[in-house]
Protein backbone atom coordinates (compact mmCIF):
# COMPACT_ATOMS: atom_id res chain seq x y z
CA MET A 1 85.56 45.94 134.89
CA ARG A 2 85.25 49.47 136.23
CA HIS A 3 88.67 49.25 137.90
CA PHE A 4 90.16 47.93 134.68
CA LEU A 5 88.82 50.92 132.71
CA ILE A 6 90.16 53.37 135.28
CA LEU A 7 93.57 51.64 135.21
CA ALA A 8 93.60 51.61 131.39
CA CYS A 9 92.75 55.33 131.27
CA ALA A 10 95.45 56.09 133.85
CA LEU A 11 98.05 54.17 131.82
CA LEU A 12 97.01 55.91 128.60
CA LEU A 13 97.26 59.31 130.25
CA ALA A 14 100.64 58.45 131.76
CA GLY A 15 101.88 57.57 128.29
CA CYS A 16 100.80 60.95 126.96
CA GLY A 17 103.63 63.22 128.03
CA ARG A 18 103.02 66.89 128.40
CA THR A 19 104.37 69.04 125.59
CA PRO A 20 107.17 71.24 126.94
CA VAL A 21 106.36 74.90 127.52
CA GLN A 22 108.97 77.61 127.15
CA GLU A 23 108.32 81.02 128.66
CA GLN A 24 109.98 84.38 129.03
CA GLN A 25 108.90 87.74 130.42
CA ALA A 26 109.76 91.27 129.30
CA PHE A 27 108.56 94.84 129.88
CA VAL A 28 107.28 96.57 126.73
CA PHE A 29 104.39 98.88 125.83
CA GLY A 30 104.22 100.05 129.42
CA THR A 31 103.39 96.62 130.78
CA ARG A 32 104.89 93.26 131.66
CA VAL A 33 104.39 90.66 128.96
CA GLU A 34 104.84 86.93 129.23
CA VAL A 35 105.39 84.86 126.11
CA LEU A 36 104.56 81.16 126.33
CA VAL A 37 105.29 78.72 123.53
CA VAL A 38 104.25 75.08 123.56
CA SER A 39 106.56 73.04 121.37
CA ASP A 40 107.91 69.51 121.16
CA ASP A 41 111.25 71.12 120.27
CA PRO A 42 112.43 73.35 123.16
CA ALA A 43 115.10 75.02 121.00
CA GLN A 44 112.48 75.94 118.42
CA GLY A 45 110.23 77.29 121.19
CA ARG A 46 113.04 79.46 122.56
CA GLN A 47 113.77 80.78 119.06
CA ALA A 48 110.09 81.67 118.61
CA ILE A 49 110.05 83.51 121.94
CA ALA A 50 113.23 85.41 121.04
CA ALA A 51 111.72 86.45 117.69
CA VAL A 52 108.50 87.65 119.34
CA LEU A 53 110.35 89.66 122.00
CA ARG A 54 112.67 91.22 119.39
CA GLU A 55 109.62 92.41 117.43
CA PHE A 56 107.93 93.68 120.61
CA ASP A 57 111.07 95.62 121.53
CA ARG A 58 111.45 97.04 118.01
CA MET A 59 107.85 98.27 118.01
CA HIS A 60 108.20 99.63 121.55
CA ARG A 61 111.24 101.71 120.58
CA ALA A 62 109.90 102.84 117.18
CA TYR A 63 106.50 103.98 118.46
CA HIS A 64 107.24 105.18 121.97
CA ALA A 65 105.01 108.14 122.86
CA TRP A 66 107.35 110.08 125.16
CA GLN A 67 110.88 108.91 124.46
CA PRO A 68 112.66 109.67 121.15
CA SER A 69 110.97 107.62 118.44
CA GLU A 70 109.32 107.93 115.07
CA LEU A 71 106.01 108.48 116.86
CA SER A 72 107.35 111.23 119.13
CA GLU A 73 108.83 112.96 116.04
CA LEU A 74 105.41 112.82 114.37
CA ASN A 75 103.73 114.23 117.48
CA LEU A 76 106.22 117.12 117.50
CA ALA A 77 105.53 117.84 113.81
CA ILE A 78 101.77 117.83 114.47
CA ALA A 79 102.21 120.25 117.40
CA GLN A 80 104.28 122.52 115.16
CA GLY A 81 101.67 122.37 112.38
CA ARG A 82 103.95 120.83 109.79
CA PRO A 83 103.63 117.71 107.62
CA GLN A 84 105.78 114.73 108.53
CA GLN A 85 106.98 111.86 106.39
CA VAL A 86 106.68 108.53 108.19
CA THR A 87 107.54 104.95 107.40
CA PRO A 88 104.99 102.89 105.48
CA GLU A 89 104.48 100.83 108.65
CA LEU A 90 103.51 103.88 110.74
CA ALA A 91 101.25 105.22 107.97
CA GLY A 92 99.54 101.80 107.92
CA PHE A 93 99.13 101.78 111.70
CA ILE A 94 97.58 105.26 111.62
CA SER A 95 95.19 104.25 108.85
CA GLU A 96 94.15 101.06 110.64
CA ALA A 97 93.78 102.86 113.98
CA GLN A 98 91.61 105.50 112.29
CA ASP A 99 89.37 102.77 110.88
CA LEU A 100 89.10 101.01 114.24
CA SER A 101 88.38 104.28 116.03
CA ARG A 102 85.71 105.20 113.50
CA GLN A 103 84.07 101.77 113.85
CA GLY A 104 83.91 102.27 117.62
CA ASP A 105 82.52 105.81 117.39
CA TYR A 106 85.92 107.07 118.67
CA LEU A 107 85.44 105.56 122.11
CA PHE A 108 88.98 104.21 121.57
CA ASP A 109 91.09 106.97 120.05
CA PRO A 110 94.91 106.85 119.91
CA GLY A 111 94.87 110.60 119.17
CA ILE A 112 94.38 111.46 122.86
CA GLY A 113 98.06 111.33 123.80
CA GLN A 114 97.98 114.72 125.54
CA LEU A 115 95.17 113.53 127.82
CA ILE A 116 97.14 110.39 128.65
CA LYS A 117 100.10 112.63 129.45
CA LEU A 118 97.94 114.90 131.65
CA TRP A 119 97.01 111.87 133.74
CA GLY A 120 100.68 110.99 134.20
CA PHE A 121 100.82 107.82 132.13
CA GLN A 122 103.49 109.09 129.73
CA ALA A 123 106.31 108.80 132.23
CA ASP A 124 108.79 106.16 133.22
CA GLU A 125 107.48 106.48 136.79
CA PHE A 126 103.70 106.80 137.10
CA LYS A 127 102.69 109.55 139.49
CA ALA A 128 99.12 109.10 140.73
CA GLU A 129 97.73 112.63 140.62
CA VAL A 130 94.52 114.06 139.28
CA PRO A 131 95.35 116.70 136.67
CA PRO A 132 94.08 120.26 137.21
CA ALA A 133 90.48 120.66 136.05
CA ALA A 134 91.49 123.64 133.89
CA ASP A 135 93.99 121.48 131.98
CA ILE A 136 91.37 118.83 131.29
CA ALA A 137 88.85 121.49 130.23
CA ALA A 138 91.41 123.01 127.84
CA TRP A 139 92.16 119.59 126.38
CA LEU A 140 88.45 118.88 125.92
CA ALA A 141 87.89 122.25 124.23
CA ASN A 142 90.52 121.39 121.59
CA LYS A 143 88.83 118.04 120.75
CA PRO A 144 91.93 116.24 119.45
CA SER A 145 91.28 112.97 117.66
CA ILE A 146 93.03 110.58 115.33
CA ALA A 147 90.27 111.59 112.92
CA ASN A 148 92.09 114.94 112.54
CA LEU A 149 94.99 113.24 110.75
CA THR A 150 95.30 113.08 106.98
CA ILE A 151 97.45 110.46 105.29
CA ALA A 152 98.79 111.14 101.80
CA GLY A 153 101.11 108.28 100.98
CA ASN A 154 103.60 108.46 103.83
CA ILE A 155 102.99 112.13 104.65
CA ILE A 156 100.91 112.82 107.75
CA THR A 157 99.25 116.17 108.42
CA SER A 158 96.75 117.26 111.03
CA SER A 159 93.97 119.81 111.09
CA ASN A 160 94.40 120.00 114.87
CA ARG A 161 97.75 120.80 116.49
CA HIS A 162 96.55 119.28 119.78
CA VAL A 163 96.50 115.74 118.42
CA ALA A 164 99.20 113.57 119.94
CA LEU A 165 99.27 109.89 119.14
CA ASP A 166 99.77 107.34 121.90
CA PHE A 167 99.74 103.84 120.45
CA GLY A 168 100.13 102.05 123.80
CA GLY A 169 96.75 100.33 123.66
CA TYR A 170 96.64 99.90 119.91
CA LEU A 171 100.12 98.40 119.55
CA LYS A 172 99.46 95.83 122.25
CA GLY A 173 96.82 94.33 119.96
CA VAL A 174 99.05 94.56 116.90
CA ALA A 175 101.91 92.92 118.79
CA LEU A 176 99.69 90.08 119.99
CA ASP A 177 98.46 89.43 116.45
CA ARG A 178 102.04 89.36 115.17
CA ALA A 179 103.20 87.13 118.02
CA ALA A 180 100.42 84.62 117.35
CA ARG A 181 101.33 84.48 113.66
CA SER A 182 105.05 84.29 114.42
CA THR A 183 104.85 81.50 116.99
CA SER A 184 102.34 79.42 115.02
CA ALA A 185 104.60 79.64 111.96
CA ALA A 186 107.70 78.74 113.97
CA THR A 187 106.27 75.72 115.80
């Protein structure tokens, strides 16, 4: 009887084919991402992956911290002490990031872009060097934070010219949320 049950289970499992998995890799947000979609329809899975990667690329280009982008234009305006009109999407990201930062007592703060730059992370080629202590001390003395930003509709102003947004960490979470919604809707 025992052998019969094992054989029956083996036959049942053999009849259950594995659902095909489609995958593709890309480099966005400063890291390698791999998108996997499990779908009975491989064409639909590939379409879902393409849609996710298009959105990742769009966000990467629109909110890049050190290459020309809407975010780098905002950072320049902040450094120059002038208001900047942004897209509703960017205003929403700033508002949400402010809320998340506040909830975490600013232990995660996308307003520390200049510190990230000091450490060499805002470069196409990372250079592992410790920044000069005087530069870090100067940055600390200025206390830049996303909390220094004011949002009035789509106009962003800052009470601190040393704030520079770097959404690398924040946008990874946003992108993952969007990818999960996108692929679950497509499959």
